[in-house]
């Protein structure tokens, strides 16, 4: 079997070990977090990464770190095969994680809590990142933060921002620029290094993700921040979207989040929403991503598409596990916990 197609076979084999409907039912029946941990260690593919964890002394942050490290190692093992752009996908995962960590640091900086950063930083990233973790962890203001980023690809992006008179940073704007940086790098790779059906499938997958990211961001900015259409429009990345500029503009101009929702539902993309089984609007993007990735991992003939679909499905499974653990920790109604699971 050519090594490129071995990637597809290996990814599908790994996907075959994911939690089943029966696993989710068994976990939902657990009465405590130690019971959940015992089940995960005894009956699931997470057993190896959780082997040394004491189920009676579970720290949520540490547990999530371990599971994310496991997820990264699983994906990294696929990238060792000679897939056409596997190394680029690995870089995409690293850049996406770096951007998430930068945003997390800035949120902590806004609340004067940067001392928490190092304790929650994913250990696995330390070997792969261009970020100076120790210098970043010791930064106590935005100037020191920028100094810690000098020499990285993020410095020129972040130096364009500064705290307001109250010392607050525009987190949403920064998040938007970082997302644009990560997405533009991935799109450039797809454009230059793929062709034919592989290129078409990858572009469709990432464009669809961005369509729903734009939609979710418009809803969030309208519902929680009540921002003007001009400000909302500045937070979009339409260059990576298959939504027309007219539709995006209409959603930005909508008086309410409900009106924007109705505009999205008038599109081909929006008509999928009703089929996702979403409970909250924040669920829509990962549920659509799940549908697309599940279809691709079963039916795509392109190894790179199968690989990236496996990554997306792995992230969603991790979200499910965290939702289960948190729901049981806080003794939520099992029906509420179940509604949060994307499966």
C-alpha atoms as a PDB file:
ATOM      1  CA  UNK A   1       0.000   0.000   0.000  1.00  0.00           C
ATOM      2  CA  UNK A   2       1.494   3.406  -0.927  1.00  0.00           C
ATOM      3  CA  UNK A   3       2.431   5.374   2.175  1.00  0.00           C
ATOM      4  CA  UNK A   4      -0.016   8.173   1.330  1.00  0.00           C
ATOM      5  CA  UNK A   5      -2.942   5.733   1.372  1.00  0.00           C
ATOM      6  CA  UNK A   6      -1.587   4.130   4.534  1.00  0.00           C
ATOM      7  CA  UNK A   7      -2.456   7.459   6.170  1.00  0.00           C
ATOM      8  CA  UNK A   8      -6.124   6.966   5.303  1.00  0.00           C
ATOM      9  CA  UNK A   9      -6.122   3.391   6.569  1.00  0.00           C
ATOM     10  CA  UNK A  10      -4.404   4.347   9.811  1.00  0.00           C
ATOM     11  CA  UNK A  11      -6.670   7.370  10.410  1.00  0.00           C
ATOM     12  CA  UNK A  12      -9.778   5.253   9.836  1.00  0.00           C
ATOM     13  CA  UNK A  13      -8.455   2.569  12.164  1.00  0.00           C
ATOM     14  CA  UNK A  14      -7.888   5.170  14.883  1.00  0.00           C
ATOM     15  CA  UNK A  15     -11.346   6.603  14.269  1.00  0.00           C
ATOM     16  CA  UNK A  16     -12.754   3.101  14.738  1.00  0.00           C
ATOM     17  CA  UNK A  17     -11.545   3.208  18.370  1.00  0.00           C
ATOM     18  CA  UNK A  18     -13.471   6.378  19.208  1.00  0.00           C
ATOM     19  CA  UNK A  19     -16.101   6.338  21.948  1.00  0.00           C
ATOM     20  CA  UNK A  20     -19.280   4.560  20.907  1.00  0.00           C
ATOM     21  CA  UNK A  21     -22.900   5.265  21.753  1.00  0.00           C
ATOM     22  CA  UNK A  22     -22.624   2.583  24.425  1.00  0.00           C
ATOM     23  CA  UNK A  23     -19.526   4.280  25.905  1.00  0.00           C
ATOM     24  CA  UNK A  24     -21.350   7.605  26.146  1.00  0.00           C
ATOM     25  CA  UNK A  25     -24.322   5.923  27.825  1.00  0.00           C
ATOM     26  CA  UNK A  26     -22.037   4.172  30.318  1.00  0.00           C
ATOM     27  CA  UNK A  27     -20.222   7.411  31.167  1.00  0.00           C
ATOM     28  CA  UNK A  28     -23.514   9.268  31.580  1.00  0.00           C
ATOM     29  CA  UNK A  29     -24.536   6.618  34.102  1.00  0.00           C
ATOM     30  CA  UNK A  30     -21.469   7.373  36.248  1.00  0.00           C
ATOM     31  CA  UNK A  31     -22.164   9.113  39.550  1.00  0.00           C
ATOM     32  CA  UNK A  32     -18.810  10.845  40.027  1.00  0.00           C
ATOM     33  CA  UNK A  33     -15.688  12.003  38.194  1.00  0.00           C
ATOM     34  CA  UNK A  34     -13.599   9.123  39.651  1.00  0.00           C
ATOM     35  CA  UNK A  35     -16.116   6.700  38.136  1.00  0.00           C
ATOM     36  CA  UNK A  36     -15.783   8.441  34.763  1.00  0.00           C
ATOM     37  CA  UNK A  37     -11.996   8.262  34.975  1.00  0.00           C
ATOM     38  CA  UNK A  38     -12.087   4.589  35.872  1.00  0.00           C
ATOM     39  CA  UNK A  39     -14.300   3.870  32.877  1.00  0.00           C
ATOM     40  CA  UNK A  40     -12.069   5.860  30.495  1.00  0.00           C
ATOM     41  CA  UNK A  41      -8.983   4.048  31.815  1.00  0.00           C
ATOM     42  CA  UNK A  42     -10.568   0.614  31.617  1.00  0.00           C
ATOM     43  CA  UNK A  43     -12.676   0.637  28.467  1.00  0.00           C
ATOM     44  CA  UNK A  44     -11.520   3.314  25.994  1.00  0.00           C
ATOM     45  CA  UNK A  45      -8.612   4.291  23.773  1.00  0.00           C
ATOM     46  CA  UNK A  46      -7.674   6.968  26.343  1.00  0.00           C
ATOM     47  CA  UNK A  47      -6.392   4.222  28.659  1.00  0.00           C
ATOM     48  CA  UNK A  48      -2.705   4.721  27.823  1.00  0.00           C
ATOM     49  CA  UNK A  49      -2.604   8.455  28.509  1.00  0.00           C
ATOM     50  CA  UNK A  50      -4.620   8.121  31.731  1.00  0.00           C
ATOM     51  CA  UNK A  51      -2.772   5.097  33.127  1.00  0.00           C
ATOM     52  CA  UNK A  52      -0.783   7.140  35.651  1.00  0.00           C
ATOM     53  CA  UNK A  53      -3.658   9.420  36.666  1.00  0.00           C
ATOM     54  CA  UNK A  54      -5.186   8.818  40.085  1.00  0.00           C
ATOM     55  CA  UNK A  55      -8.922   8.872  39.425  1.00  0.00           C
ATOM     56  CA  UNK A  56      -9.593  10.075  42.978  1.00  0.00           C
ATOM     57  CA  UNK A  57      -7.387  13.124  42.624  1.00  0.00           C
ATOM     58  CA  UNK A  58      -8.376  14.533  39.235  1.00  0.00           C
ATOM     59  CA  UNK A  59      -7.474  18.122  38.395  1.00  0.00           C
ATOM     60  CA  UNK A  60      -9.541  19.328  35.454  1.00  0.00           C
ATOM     61  CA  UNK A  61      -6.744  21.438  33.939  1.00  0.00           C
ATOM     62  CA  UNK A  62      -4.184  18.658  34.139  1.00  0.00           C
ATOM     63  CA  UNK A  63      -6.641  16.129  32.732  1.00  0.00           C
ATOM     64  CA  UNK A  64      -7.405  18.321  29.732  1.00  0.00           C
ATOM     65  CA  UNK A  65      -3.668  18.812  29.141  1.00  0.00           C
ATOM     66  CA  UNK A  66      -3.117  15.054  29.088  1.00  0.00           C
ATOM     67  CA  UNK A  67      -5.996  14.458  26.707  1.00  0.00           C
ATOM     68  CA  UNK A  68      -4.814  17.252  24.390  1.00  0.00           C
ATOM     69  CA  UNK A  69      -1.298  15.832  24.416  1.00  0.00           C
ATOM     70  CA  UNK A  70      -2.730  12.436  23.501  1.00  0.00           C
ATOM     71  CA  UNK A  71      -4.717  14.026  20.664  1.00  0.00           C
ATOM     72  CA  UNK A  72      -1.609  15.837  19.383  1.00  0.00           C
ATOM     73  CA  UNK A  73       0.463  12.636  19.508  1.00  0.00           C
ATOM     74  CA  UNK A  74      -2.217  10.739  17.594  1.00  0.00           C
ATOM     75  CA  UNK A  75      -2.244  13.339  14.840  1.00  0.00           C
ATOM     76  CA  UNK A  76       1.535  13.666  14.850  1.00  0.00           C
ATOM     77  CA  UNK A  77       1.849   9.915  14.305  1.00  0.00           C
ATOM     78  CA  UNK A  78      -0.193  10.274  11.117  1.00  0.00           C
ATOM     79  CA  UNK A  79       1.975  13.139   9.905  1.00  0.00           C
ATOM     80  CA  UNK A  80       5.040  10.878   9.941  1.00  0.00           C
ATOM     81  CA  UNK A  81       3.657   9.122   6.881  1.00  0.00           C
ATOM     82  CA  UNK A  82       4.585  10.556   3.506  1.00  0.00           C
ATOM     83  CA  UNK A  83       1.344  12.396   2.852  1.00  0.00           C
ATOM     84  CA  UNK A  84       1.638  15.276   0.401  1.00  0.00           C
ATOM     85  CA  UNK A  85       1.030  18.047   2.928  1.00  0.00           C
ATOM     86  CA  UNK A  86       1.121  16.162   6.236  1.00  0.00           C
ATOM     87  CA  UNK A  87       3.919  18.335   7.656  1.00  0.00           C
ATOM     88  CA  UNK A  88       1.878  21.410   6.779  1.00  0.00           C
ATOM     89  CA  UNK A  89      -1.116  20.021   8.656  1.00  0.00           C
ATOM     90  CA  UNK A  90       1.117  19.467  11.653  1.00  0.00           C
ATOM     91  CA  UNK A  91       2.209  23.102  11.415  1.00  0.00           C
ATOM     92  CA  UNK A  92      -1.447  24.157  11.203  1.00  0.00           C
ATOM     93  CA  UNK A  93      -2.194  22.325  14.460  1.00  0.00           C
ATOM     94  CA  UNK A  94       0.777  23.975  16.169  1.00  0.00           C
ATOM     95  CA  UNK A  95      -0.100  27.476  14.919  1.00  0.00           C
ATOM     96  CA  UNK A  96      -3.732  27.019  15.936  1.00  0.00           C
ATOM     97  CA  UNK A  97      -2.631  25.972  19.428  1.00  0.00           C
ATOM     98  CA  UNK A  98      -0.133  28.852  19.651  1.00  0.00           C
ATOM     99  CA  UNK A  99      -2.876  31.328  18.743  1.00  0.00           C
ATOM    100  CA  UNK A 100      -5.171  29.826  21.389  1.00  0.00           C
ATOM    101  CA  UNK A 101      -2.436  30.143  24.018  1.00  0.00           C
ATOM    102  CA  UNK A 102      -1.682  33.760  23.071  1.00  0.00           C
ATOM    103  CA  UNK A 103      -5.365  34.627  23.426  1.00  0.00           C
ATOM    104  CA  UNK A 104      -5.525  32.800  26.760  1.00  0.00           C
ATOM    105  CA  UNK A 105      -2.509  34.777  28.004  1.00  0.00           C
ATOM    106  CA  UNK A 106      -4.048  38.102  26.950  1.00  0.00           C
ATOM    107  CA  UNK A 107      -7.326  37.268  28.677  1.00  0.00           C
ATOM    108  CA  UNK A 108      -5.316  36.570  31.834  1.00  0.00           C
ATOM    109  CA  UNK A 109      -3.404  39.819  31.296  1.00  0.00           C
ATOM    110  CA  UNK A 110      -6.700  41.715  31.128  1.00  0.00           C
ATOM    111  CA  UNK A 111      -7.627  40.268  34.519  1.00  0.00           C
ATOM    112  CA  UNK A 112      -4.120  40.625  36.052  1.00  0.00           C
ATOM    113  CA  UNK A 113      -3.872  36.833  36.441  1.00  0.00           C
ATOM    114  CA  UNK A 114      -0.922  35.955  34.199  1.00  0.00           C
ATOM    115  CA  UNK A 115       0.642  33.808  36.934  1.00  0.00           C
ATOM    116  CA  UNK A 116      -1.909  31.112  35.990  1.00  0.00           C
ATOM    117  CA  UNK A 117      -0.616  30.872  32.426  1.00  0.00           C
ATOM    118  CA  UNK A 118       2.332  28.514  32.956  1.00  0.00           C
ATOM    119  CA  UNK A 119       0.300  26.028  34.991  1.00  0.00           C
ATOM    120  CA  UNK A 120      -2.197  25.530  32.175  1.00  0.00           C
ATOM    121  CA  UNK A 121       0.212  25.614  29.235  1.00  0.00           C
ATOM    122  CA  UNK A 122       0.129  22.329  27.273  1.00  0.00           C
ATOM    123  CA  UNK A 123       3.457  20.565  27.855  1.00  0.00           C
ATOM    124  CA  UNK A 124       3.498  18.896  24.450  1.00  0.00           C
ATOM    125  CA  UNK A 125       3.643  22.278  22.682  1.00  0.00           C
ATOM    126  CA  UNK A 126       6.932  23.244  24.331  1.00  0.00           C
ATOM    127  CA  UNK A 127       8.929  20.988  21.971  1.00  0.00           C
ATOM    128  CA  UNK A 128       7.294  22.350  18.826  1.00  0.00           C
ATOM    129  CA  UNK A 129       6.554  26.027  19.365  1.00  0.00           C
ATOM    130  CA  UNK A 130       8.520  29.121  18.379  1.00  0.00           C
ATOM    131  CA  UNK A 131       7.156  30.885  21.468  1.00  0.00           C
ATOM    132  CA  UNK A 132       9.526  31.511  24.387  1.00  0.00           C
ATOM    133  CA  UNK A 133       7.282  30.031  27.078  1.00  0.00           C
ATOM    134  CA  UNK A 134       9.336  31.105  30.096  1.00  0.00           C
ATOM    135  CA  UNK A 135       9.694  34.673  28.877  1.00  0.00           C
ATOM    136  CA  UNK A 136       5.993  34.804  28.036  1.00  0.00           C
ATOM    137  CA  UNK A 137       5.004  33.420  31.430  1.00  0.00           C
ATOM    138  CA  UNK A 138       7.036  36.131  33.170  1.00  0.00           C
ATOM    139  CA  UNK A 139       5.504  39.013  31.201  1.00  0.00           C
ATOM    140  CA  UNK A 140       3.440  41.285  33.438  1.00  0.00           C
ATOM    141  CA  UNK A 141       2.298  43.918  30.933  1.00  0.00           C
ATOM    142  CA  UNK A 142       1.720  44.239  27.197  1.00  0.00           C
ATOM    143  CA  UNK A 143       5.170  45.708  26.545  1.00  0.00           C
ATOM    144  CA  UNK A 144       6.854  42.691  28.154  1.00  0.00           C
ATOM    145  CA  UNK A 145       4.443  40.412  26.290  1.00  0.00           C
ATOM    146  CA  UNK A 146       5.496  41.932  22.943  1.00  0.00           C
ATOM    147  CA  UNK A 147       9.144  41.597  23.918  1.00  0.00           C
ATOM    148  CA  UNK A 148       8.571  37.882  24.533  1.00  0.00           C
ATOM    149  CA  UNK A 149       7.161  37.546  21.007  1.00  0.00           C
ATOM    150  CA  UNK A 150      10.062  39.227  19.198  1.00  0.00           C
ATOM    151  CA  UNK A 151      11.482  36.973  16.521  1.00  0.00           C
ATOM    152  CA  UNK A 152       8.214  35.090  16.032  1.00  0.00           C
ATOM    153  CA  UNK A 153       5.668  35.363  13.240  1.00  0.00           C
ATOM    154  CA  UNK A 154       3.187  36.833  15.733  1.00  0.00           C
ATOM    155  CA  UNK A 155       5.181  39.912  16.720  1.00  0.00           C
ATOM    156  CA  UNK A 156       4.235  42.089  13.731  1.00  0.00           C
ATOM    157  CA  UNK A 157       0.563  41.181  14.210  1.00  0.00           C
ATOM    158  CA  UNK A 158       0.410  41.896  17.931  1.00  0.00           C
ATOM    159  CA  UNK A 159       2.495  45.086  17.966  1.00  0.00           C
ATOM    160  CA  UNK A 160      -0.340  46.805  16.060  1.00  0.00           C
ATOM    161  CA  UNK A 161      -2.502  46.627  19.169  1.00  0.00           C
ATOM    162  CA  UNK A 162      -2.211  48.370  22.506  1.00  0.00           C
ATOM    163  CA  UNK A 163      -4.220  48.542  25.739  1.00  0.00           C
ATOM    164  CA  UNK A 164      -6.877  51.262  26.086  1.00  0.00           C
ATOM    165  CA  UNK A 165      -6.841  53.929  28.813  1.00  0.00           C
ATOM    166  CA  UNK A 166      -8.138  51.363  31.301  1.00  0.00           C
ATOM    167  CA  UNK A 167      -5.400  48.907  30.371  1.00  0.00           C
ATOM    168  CA  UNK A 168      -7.830  46.613  28.535  1.00  0.00           C
ATOM    169  CA  UNK A 169      -6.902  44.859  25.298  1.00  0.00           C
ATOM    170  CA  UNK A 170      -9.250  44.368  22.293  1.00  0.00           C
ATOM    171  CA  UNK A 171      -9.295  40.571  22.623  1.00  0.00           C
ATOM    172  CA  UNK A 172     -11.871  40.014  19.875  1.00  0.00           C
ATOM    173  CA  UNK A 173      -9.860  42.051  17.339  1.00  0.00           C
ATOM    174  CA  UNK A 174      -6.637  40.244  18.255  1.00  0.00           C
ATOM    175  CA  UNK A 175      -8.336  36.855  18.042  1.00  0.00           C
ATOM    176  CA  UNK A 176      -9.603  37.807  14.595  1.00  0.00           C
ATOM    177  CA  UNK A 177      -6.122  38.735  13.349  1.00  0.00           C
ATOM    178  CA  UNK A 178      -4.545  35.578  14.750  1.00  0.00           C
ATOM    179  CA  UNK A 179      -7.240  33.410  13.195  1.00  0.00           C
ATOM    180  CA  UNK A 180      -6.639  35.188   9.889  1.00  0.00           C
ATOM    181  CA  UNK A 181      -2.901  34.464  10.182  1.00  0.00           C
ATOM    182  CA  UNK A 182      -3.438  30.748  10.816  1.00  0.00           C
ATOM    183  CA  UNK A 183      -6.124  30.377   8.151  1.00  0.00           C
ATOM    184  CA  UNK A 184      -4.226  32.317   5.476  1.00  0.00           C
ATOM    185  CA  UNK A 185      -1.164  30.092   5.981  1.00  0.00           C
ATOM    186  CA  UNK A 186      -3.293  26.957   5.623  1.00  0.00           C
ATOM    187  CA  UNK A 187      -5.105  28.265   2.546  1.00  0.00           C
ATOM    188  CA  UNK A 188      -1.811  29.207   0.892  1.00  0.00           C
ATOM    189  CA  UNK A 189      -0.515  25.684   1.430  1.00  0.00           C
ATOM    190  CA  UNK A 190      -3.684  24.146  -0.015  1.00  0.00           C
ATOM    191  CA  UNK A 191      -3.530  26.498  -2.991  1.00  0.00           C
ATOM    192  CA  UNK A 192       0.153  25.849  -3.780  1.00  0.00           C
ATOM    193  CA  UNK A 193       0.613  22.204  -2.836  1.00  0.00           C
ATOM    194  CA  UNK A 194      -2.607  20.437  -3.828  1.00  0.00           C
ATOM    195  CA  UNK A 195      -4.660  20.041  -6.967  1.00  0.00           C
ATOM    196  CA  UNK A 196      -7.713  18.324  -8.389  1.00  0.00           C
ATOM    197  CA  UNK A 197     -10.239  16.715  -6.071  1.00  0.00           C
ATOM    198  CA  UNK A 198      -7.860  16.947  -3.103  1.00  0.00           C
ATOM    199  CA  UNK A 199      -7.662  20.711  -3.462  1.00  0.00           C
ATOM    200  CA  UNK A 200     -11.418  21.041  -4.029  1.00  0.00           C
ATOM    201  CA  UNK A 201     -12.288  18.954  -0.951  1.00  0.00           C
ATOM    202  CA  UNK A 202      -9.842  20.768   1.328  1.00  0.00           C
ATOM    203  CA  UNK A 203     -10.965  24.207   0.160  1.00  0.00           C
ATOM    204  CA  UNK A 204     -14.605  23.207   0.608  1.00  0.00           C
ATOM    205  CA  UNK A 205     -13.928  21.936   4.132  1.00  0.00           C
ATOM    206  CA  UNK A 206     -12.043  25.035   5.290  1.00  0.00           C
ATOM    207  CA  UNK A 207     -14.394  27.448   3.503  1.00  0.00           C
ATOM    208  CA  UNK A 208     -17.378  25.808   5.181  1.00  0.00           C
ATOM    209  CA  UNK A 209     -15.691  26.056   8.573  1.00  0.00           C
ATOM    210  CA  UNK A 210     -15.091  29.746   7.959  1.00  0.00           C
ATOM    211  CA  UNK A 211     -18.680  30.288   6.792  1.00  0.00           C
ATOM    212  CA  UNK A 212     -19.982  29.096  10.138  1.00  0.00           C
ATOM    213  CA  UNK A 213     -17.217  30.870  12.032  1.00  0.00           C
ATOM    214  CA  UNK A 214     -18.355  34.147  10.425  1.00  0.00           C
ATOM    215  CA  UNK A 215     -21.980  33.357  11.217  1.00  0.00           C
ATOM    216  CA  UNK A 216     -21.230  32.470  14.855  1.00  0.00           C
ATOM    217  CA  UNK A 217     -19.075  35.562  15.322  1.00  0.00           C
ATOM    218  CA  UNK A 218     -21.796  37.859  13.967  1.00  0.00           C
ATOM    219  CA  UNK A 219     -24.338  36.302  16.333  1.00  0.00           C
ATOM    220  CA  UNK A 220     -21.992  36.588  19.317  1.00  0.00           C
ATOM    221  CA  UNK A 221     -21.011  40.205  18.612  1.00  0.00           C
ATOM    222  CA  UNK A 222     -24.640  41.224  18.172  1.00  0.00           C
ATOM    223  CA  UNK A 223     -26.015  39.294  21.117  1.00  0.00           C
ATOM    224  CA  UNK A 224     -23.349  39.983  23.735  1.00  0.00           C
ATOM    225  CA  UNK A 225     -21.597  43.186  22.606  1.00  0.00           C
ATOM    226  CA  UNK A 226     -24.242  45.054  20.601  1.00  0.00           C
ATOM    227  CA  UNK A 227     -21.564  46.367  18.235  1.00  0.00           C
ATOM    228  CA  UNK A 228     -22.205  48.491  15.149  1.00  0.00           C
ATOM    229  CA  UNK A 229     -22.371  46.839  11.692  1.00  0.00           C
ATOM    230  CA  UNK A 230     -19.077  48.529  10.758  1.00  0.00           C
ATOM    231  CA  UNK A 231     -17.223  47.072  13.746  1.00  0.00           C
ATOM    232  CA  UNK A 232     -18.747  43.635  13.207  1.00  0.00           C
ATOM    233  CA  UNK A 233     -17.815  43.709   9.513  1.00  0.00           C
ATOM    234  CA  UNK A 234     -14.207  44.469  10.450  1.00  0.00           C
ATOM    235  CA  UNK A 235     -14.139  41.222  12.459  1.00  0.00           C
ATOM    236  CA  UNK A 236     -14.848  38.982   9.460  1.00  0.00           C
ATOM    237  CA  UNK A 237     -12.612  37.043   7.042  1.00  0.00           C
ATOM    238  CA  UNK A 238     -14.808  36.905   3.916  1.00  0.00           C
ATOM    239  CA  UNK A 239     -11.829  36.040   1.704  1.00  0.00           C
ATOM    240  CA  UNK A 240     -11.974  32.473   3.066  1.00  0.00           C
ATOM    241  CA  UNK A 241     -15.742  32.139   2.837  1.00  0.00           C
ATOM    242  CA  UNK A 242     -18.166  30.799   0.252  1.00  0.00           C
ATOM    243  CA  UNK A 243     -20.877  33.093   1.618  1.00  0.00           C
ATOM    244  CA  UNK A 244     -21.483  36.032  -0.686  1.00  0.00           C
ATOM    245  CA  UNK A 245     -20.390  39.509   0.382  1.00  0.00           C
ATOM    246  CA  UNK A 246     -24.058  40.532   0.139  1.00  0.00           C
ATOM    247  CA  UNK A 247     -25.179  37.866   2.655  1.00  0.00           C
ATOM    248  CA  UNK A 248     -22.371  38.697   5.085  1.00  0.00           C
ATOM    249  CA  UNK A 249     -23.190  42.391   4.794  1.00  0.00           C
ATOM    250  CA  UNK A 250     -26.914  41.742   5.414  1.00  0.00           C
ATOM    251  CA  UNK A 251     -26.098  39.729   8.547  1.00  0.00           C
ATOM    252  CA  UNK A 252     -23.816  42.505   9.794  1.00  0.00           C
ATOM    253  CA  UNK A 253     -26.563  45.083   9.170  1.00  0.00           C
ATOM    254  CA  UNK A 254     -29.285  42.986  10.854  1.00  0.00           C
ATOM    255  CA  UNK A 255     -30.956  44.672  13.820  1.00  0.00           C
ATOM    256  CA  UNK A 256     -30.806  41.581  16.025  1.00  0.00           C
ATOM    257  CA  UNK A 257     -29.062  38.219  16.304  1.00  0.00           C
ATOM    258  CA  UNK A 258     -32.391  36.548  15.471  1.00  0.00           C
ATOM    259  CA  UNK A 259     -32.631  38.509  12.226  1.00  0.00           C
ATOM    260  CA  UNK A 260     -29.042  37.547  11.312  1.00  0.00           C
ATOM    261  CA  UNK A 261     -29.912  33.915  12.042  1.00  0.00           C
ATOM    262  CA  UNK A 262     -32.873  34.070   9.653  1.00  0.00           C
ATOM    263  CA  UNK A 263     -30.669  35.544   6.908  1.00  0.00           C
ATOM    264  CA  UNK A 264     -28.173  32.681   7.300  1.00  0.00           C
ATOM    265  CA  UNK A 265     -30.991  30.126   7.144  1.00  0.00           C
ATOM    266  CA  UNK A 266     -32.006  31.522   3.744  1.00  0.00           C
ATOM    267  CA  UNK A 267     -28.700  30.249   2.271  1.00  0.00           C
ATOM    268  CA  UNK A 268     -27.677  26.738   1.244  1.00  0.00           C
ATOM    269  CA  UNK A 269     -25.213  26.653   4.144  1.00  0.00           C
ATOM    270  CA  UNK A 270     -27.868  27.869   6.560  1.00  0.00           C
ATOM    271  CA  UNK A 271     -30.364  25.195   5.587  1.00  0.00           C
ATOM    272  CA  UNK A 272     -28.004  22.593   7.050  1.00  0.00           C
ATOM    273  CA  UNK A 273     -28.365  24.129  10.521  1.00  0.00           C
ATOM    274  CA  UNK A 274     -31.752  22.542  11.213  1.00  0.00           C
ATOM    275  CA  UNK A 275     -30.262  19.087  10.588  1.00  0.00           C
ATOM    276  CA  UNK A 276     -27.458  19.400  13.141  1.00  0.00           C
ATOM    277  CA  UNK A 277     -29.504  18.896  16.299  1.00  0.00           C
ATOM    278  CA  UNK A 278     -27.974  21.967  17.921  1.00  0.00           C
ATOM    279  CA  UNK A 279     -29.176  23.149  21.330  1.00  0.00           C
ATOM    280  CA  UNK A 280     -27.304  26.458  21.576  1.00  0.00           C
ATOM    281  CA  UNK A 281     -26.085  28.622  18.699  1.00  0.00           C
ATOM    282  CA  UNK A 282     -22.485  28.052  19.842  1.00  0.00           C
ATOM    283  CA  UNK A 283     -23.030  24.369  19.022  1.00  0.00           C
ATOM    284  CA  UNK A 284     -23.725  24.976  15.342  1.00  0.00           C
ATOM    285  CA  UNK A 285     -20.155  25.305  14.045  1.00  0.00           C
ATOM    286  CA  UNK A 286     -18.721  22.150  15.724  1.00  0.00           C
ATOM    287  CA  UNK A 287     -21.851  20.159  14.774  1.00  0.00           C
ATOM    288  CA  UNK A 288     -21.539  21.122  11.107  1.00  0.00           C
ATOM    289  CA  UNK A 289     -17.809  20.396  11.278  1.00  0.00           C
ATOM    290  CA  UNK A 290     -18.618  16.976  12.743  1.00  0.00           C
ATOM    291  CA  UNK A 291     -21.046  16.151   9.908  1.00  0.00           C
ATOM    292  CA  UNK A 292     -18.545  17.124   7.218  1.00  0.00           C
ATOM    293  CA  UNK A 293     -15.561  15.410   8.834  1.00  0.00           C
ATOM    294  CA  UNK A 294     -17.491  12.198   9.467  1.00  0.00           C
ATOM    295  CA  UNK A 295     -18.592  12.092   5.831  1.00  0.00           C
ATOM    296  CA  UNK A 296     -15.035  12.737   4.632  1.00  0.00           C
ATOM    297  CA  UNK A 297     -13.360  10.145   6.830  1.00  0.00           C
ATOM    298  CA  UNK A 298     -15.698   7.476   5.457  1.00  0.00           C
ATOM    299  CA  UNK A 299     -15.881   8.424   1.803  1.00  0.00           C
ATOM    300  CA  UNK A 300     -13.000  10.667   0.716  1.00  0.00           C
ATOM    301  CA  UNK A 301     -10.325   9.123  -1.497  1.00  0.00           C
ATOM    302  CA  UNK A 302      -7.800  11.824  -0.603  1.00  0.00           C
ATOM    303  CA  UNK A 303      -5.504  10.930   2.340  1.00  0.00           C
ATOM    304  CA  UNK A 304      -4.967  14.572   3.330  1.00  0.00           C
ATOM    305  CA  UNK A 305      -8.739  15.098   3.588  1.00  0.00           C
ATOM    306  CA  UNK A 306      -9.116  11.957   5.687  1.00  0.00           C
ATOM    307  CA  UNK A 307      -6.248  13.114   7.919  1.00  0.00           C
ATOM    308  CA  UNK A 308      -7.628  16.587   8.614  1.00  0.00           C
ATOM    309  CA  UNK A 309     -11.103  15.121   9.122  1.00  0.00           C
ATOM    310  CA  UNK A 310      -9.673  12.748  11.711  1.00  0.00           C
ATOM    311  CA  UNK A 311      -8.132  15.730  13.494  1.00  0.00           C
ATOM    312  CA  UNK A 312     -11.458  17.594  13.584  1.00  0.00           C
ATOM    313  CA  UNK A 313     -13.309  14.512  14.856  1.00  0.00           C
ATOM    314  CA  UNK A 314     -10.642  13.978  17.531  1.00  0.00           C
ATOM    315  CA  UNK A 315     -11.086  17.549  18.766  1.00  0.00           C
ATOM    316  CA  UNK A 316     -14.852  17.087  18.951  1.00  0.00           C
ATOM    317  CA  UNK A 317     -14.483  13.829  20.868  1.00  0.00           C
ATOM    318  CA  UNK A 318     -12.197  15.628  23.329  1.00  0.00           C
ATOM    319  CA  UNK A 319     -14.857  18.344  23.729  1.00  0.00           C
ATOM    320  CA  UNK A 320     -17.370  15.599  24.464  1.00  0.00           C
ATOM    321  CA  UNK A 321     -15.198  14.028  27.153  1.00  0.00           C
ATOM    322  CA  UNK A 322     -14.606  17.396  28.843  1.00  0.00           C
ATOM    323  CA  UNK A 323     -18.366  18.131  28.726  1.00  0.00           C
ATOM    324  CA  UNK A 324     -19.121  14.763  30.312  1.00  0.00           C
ATOM    325  CA  UNK A 325     -16.582  15.219  33.089  1.00  0.00           C
ATOM    326  CA  UNK A 326     -17.679  18.788  33.848  1.00  0.00           C
ATOM    327  CA  UNK A 327     -21.374  17.872  33.712  1.00  0.00           C
ATOM    328  CA  UNK A 328     -20.949  14.996  36.136  1.00  0.00           C
ATOM    329  CA  UNK A 329     -18.647  17.030  38.376  1.00  0.00           C
ATOM    330  CA  UNK A 330     -21.364  19.660  38.796  1.00  0.00           C
ATOM    331  CA  UNK A 331     -24.174  17.079  38.914  1.00  0.00           C
ATOM    332  CA  UNK A 332     -26.075  18.390  35.910  1.00  0.00           C
ATOM    333  CA  UNK A 333     -29.156  16.559  34.685  1.00  0.00           C
ATOM    334  CA  UNK A 334     -27.982  13.694  32.406  1.00  0.00           C
ATOM    335  CA  UNK A 335     -30.346  14.966  29.689  1.00  0.00           C
ATOM    336  CA  UNK A 336     -28.592  18.337  29.728  1.00  0.00           C
ATOM    337  CA  UNK A 337     -25.166  16.684  29.550  1.00  0.00           C
ATOM    338  CA  UNK A 338     -26.339  14.466  26.708  1.00  0.00           C
ATOM    339  CA  UNK A 339     -27.537  17.513  24.762  1.00  0.00           C
ATOM    340  CA  UNK A 340     -23.974  18.860  24.818  1.00  0.00           C
ATOM    341  CA  UNK A 341     -22.511  15.719  23.228  1.00  0.00           C
ATOM    342  CA  UNK A 342     -21.822  15.854  19.489  1.00  0.00           C
ATOM    343  CA  UNK A 343     -22.148  12.299  18.292  1.00  0.00           C
END
